[in-house]
Amino acid sequence: MKAKDFIAKVTAMALPVCEANGLDLWDVTFEKEGASFVLTVFIDKDEGVFIEDCEKVSRTIDPMLDAPEFDSIPSYMLTVSSAGLERRLCKQAHYDWAKGKQVELNFYKARSGSSSLVGELVEHGAEGFVVLCGGESITVADSEVASCRLYFEF
């Protein structure tokens, strides 16, 4: 089974579990970290995510992942986590949610001498990202952006 198919199946399993517990499923990732793999289910809710929320989701989906259809997946560690303050934005639904909020765009190649840009997300669409930075509207193509995160200044 390909990683993207595995992620899709885990997403389909985790979504009703999250909804039943009053949580939003933010994202699911399957990434190699060092010599091992980590399956991470990111959850969210308006009043904040607590360890008990992570535990409920983990304890519910963990036995489901023992199904024979997942035997071809390399050994991994399951993690359930809050999406976090500086959460990764990677889906159109994330960008729509983040409109009007501060984001940080990290570039593949420096742009105007900088490897990143922080500003208010105005739009994400066919043109790419439109960010308001210092009163100036800046458009950045998707192909230039390595990552986009919600920006939080401590």
Protein backbone atom coordinates (compact mmCIF):
# COMPACT_ATOMS: atom_id res chain seq x y z
CA MET A 1 0.00 0.00 0.00
CA LYS A 2 1.30 3.44 -0.91
CA ALA A 3 1.76 6.06 1.82
CA LYS A 4 -0.91 8.35 0.33
CA ASP A 5 -3.42 5.46 0.32
CA PHE A 6 -2.51 4.65 3.92
CA ILE A 7 -3.01 8.30 4.92
CA ALA A 8 -6.40 8.36 3.15
CA LYS A 9 -7.55 5.22 4.99
CA VAL A 10 -6.36 6.52 8.37
CA THR A 11 -8.09 9.84 7.67
CA ALA A 12 -11.34 8.00 6.88
CA MET A 13 -11.02 6.03 10.15
CA ALA A 14 -10.05 9.01 12.31
CA LEU A 15 -12.67 11.47 11.04
CA PRO A 16 -15.74 9.84 12.64
CA VAL A 17 -13.75 9.19 15.84
CA CYS A 18 -12.86 12.88 16.05
CA GLU A 19 -16.39 14.02 15.27
CA ALA A 20 -17.84 11.68 17.94
CA ASN A 21 -15.52 13.30 20.48
CA GLY A 22 -16.23 16.92 19.48
CA LEU A 23 -12.87 17.31 17.72
CA ASP A 24 -11.78 18.45 14.28
CA LEU A 25 -9.38 16.27 12.33
CA TRP A 26 -6.74 18.75 11.15
CA ASP A 27 -4.34 16.48 9.27
CA VAL A 28 -2.77 13.03 9.07
CA THR A 29 0.89 12.53 8.16
CA PHE A 30 3.11 9.48 7.68
CA GLU A 31 6.77 10.48 7.70
CA LYS A 32 10.14 8.86 8.06
CA GLU A 33 12.04 10.18 11.07
CA GLY A 34 15.52 8.75 11.26
CA ALA A 35 15.33 4.99 10.87
CA SER A 36 11.65 4.71 11.75
CA PHE A 37 8.25 5.96 10.58
CA VAL A 38 5.73 8.08 12.50
CA LEU A 39 2.00 8.21 11.79
CA THR A 40 0.64 11.44 13.26
CA VAL A 41 -3.02 12.35 13.59
CA PHE A 42 -3.40 16.09 14.25
CA ILE A 43 -6.59 17.16 16.04
CA ASP A 44 -8.11 20.49 17.01
CA LYS A 45 -11.04 22.05 18.86
CA ASP A 46 -11.99 25.64 19.64
CA GLU A 47 -11.34 25.44 23.38
CA GLY A 48 -8.00 23.71 22.90
CA VAL A 49 -6.87 20.10 22.80
CA PHE A 50 -6.12 18.24 26.01
CA ILE A 51 -4.12 15.07 26.56
CA GLU A 52 -7.38 13.22 27.22
CA ASP A 53 -8.57 14.14 23.71
CA CYS A 54 -5.39 12.71 22.18
CA GLU A 55 -5.70 9.59 24.31
CA LYS A 56 -9.33 8.94 23.24
CA VAL A 57 -8.47 9.18 19.56
CA SER A 58 -5.32 7.09 19.94
CA ARG A 59 -7.02 4.32 21.93
CA THR A 60 -9.88 4.16 19.43
CA ILE A 61 -7.94 4.05 16.16
CA ASP A 62 -4.94 2.03 17.36
CA PRO A 63 -6.78 -1.34 17.26
CA MET A 64 -8.23 -0.47 13.83
CA LEU A 65 -4.69 -0.12 12.49
CA ASP A 66 -4.03 -3.79 13.29
CA ALA A 67 -6.25 -4.83 10.35
CA PRO A 68 -4.54 -7.18 7.86
CA GLU A 69 -4.88 -4.57 5.07
CA PHE A 70 -2.13 -2.57 6.80
CA ASP A 71 0.38 -5.44 7.03
CA SER A 72 2.40 -4.08 4.09
CA ILE A 73 3.02 -0.77 5.90
CA PRO A 74 6.49 -0.51 7.50
CA SER A 75 6.57 -0.54 11.30
CA TYR A 76 5.64 2.88 12.71
CA MET A 77 4.75 4.75 15.88
CA LEU A 78 1.24 6.25 16.19
CA THR A 79 1.07 9.76 17.60
CA VAL A 80 -2.05 11.86 18.18
CA SER A 81 -1.31 15.53 18.70
CA SER A 82 -2.81 18.99 18.77
CA ALA A 83 -2.42 20.87 15.51
CA GLY A 84 -0.58 23.50 17.59
CA LEU A 85 -0.38 27.27 17.57
CA GLU A 86 1.98 27.38 14.61
CA ARG A 87 0.17 24.63 12.73
CA ARG A 88 1.11 23.61 9.24
CA LEU A 89 -1.35 24.74 6.57
CA CYS A 90 -1.39 22.44 3.57
CA LYS A 91 -4.97 22.01 2.35
CA GLN A 92 -7.36 24.49 0.82
CA ALA A 93 -9.64 24.11 3.86
CA HIS A 94 -6.68 25.16 6.05
CA TYR A 95 -6.04 28.24 3.92
CA ASP A 96 -9.72 29.18 3.99
CA TRP A 97 -9.71 28.83 7.80
CA ALA A 98 -6.55 30.97 8.07
CA LYS A 99 -7.81 33.94 5.99
CA GLY A 100 -7.26 37.12 7.98
CA LYS A 101 -4.68 35.44 10.23
CA GLN A 102 -0.90 35.85 10.29
CA VAL A 103 0.98 33.19 8.34
CA GLU A 104 4.61 32.47 7.57
CA LEU A 105 5.53 31.35 4.08
CA ASN A 106 8.90 29.60 3.75
CA PHE A 107 10.39 29.60 0.28
CA TYR A 108 12.35 26.97 -1.62
CA LYS A 109 14.64 29.73 -2.90
CA ALA A 110 15.22 33.13 -1.32
CA ARG A 111 12.83 35.76 -2.60
CA SER A 112 13.95 39.39 -2.44
CA GLY A 113 16.82 38.27 -0.21
CA SER A 114 14.60 36.47 2.32
CA SER A 115 13.80 32.81 2.85
CA SER A 116 10.41 33.56 4.41
CA LEU A 117 7.58 36.08 4.54
CA VAL A 118 5.20 36.83 7.42
CA GLY A 119 1.91 38.58 6.78
CA GLU A 120 -1.87 38.35 6.84
CA LEU A 121 -3.27 35.69 4.53
CA VAL A 122 -5.73 37.43 2.22
CA GLU A 123 -6.34 34.62 -0.26
CA HIS A 124 -5.08 31.31 -1.57
CA GLY A 125 -6.23 30.19 -4.97
CA ALA A 126 -5.20 29.74 -8.57
CA GLU A 127 -2.79 32.68 -8.35
CA GLY A 128 -1.11 31.20 -5.28
CA PHE A 129 -0.90 33.04 -1.98
CA VAL A 130 -1.91 36.66 -1.51
CA VAL A 131 -0.41 38.05 1.71
CA LEU A 132 -0.71 41.54 3.16
CA CYS A 133 2.70 42.55 4.51
CA GLY A 134 3.51 46.07 5.70
CA GLY A 135 0.45 47.45 3.92
CA GLU A 136 1.53 45.88 0.63
CA SER A 137 -0.32 43.04 -1.08
CA ILE A 138 2.17 40.38 -2.20
CA THR A 139 1.35 37.44 -4.46
CA VAL A 140 3.48 34.31 -4.19
CA ALA A 141 3.08 31.30 -6.50
CA ASP A 142 2.47 27.90 -4.88
CA SER A 143 5.57 26.59 -6.65
CA GLU A 144 7.75 29.01 -4.64
CA VAL A 145 6.39 27.98 -1.23
CA ALA A 146 8.05 25.10 0.62
CA SER A 147 5.72 25.41 3.62
CA CYS A 148 3.02 27.60 5.12
CA ARG A 149 2.34 27.81 8.84
CA LEU A 150 0.13 29.86 11.08
CA TYR A 151 2.38 32.52 12.61
CA PHE A 152 2.22 33.26 16.29
CA GLU A 153 4.41 35.91 17.91
CA PHE A 154 5.33 35.08 21.49
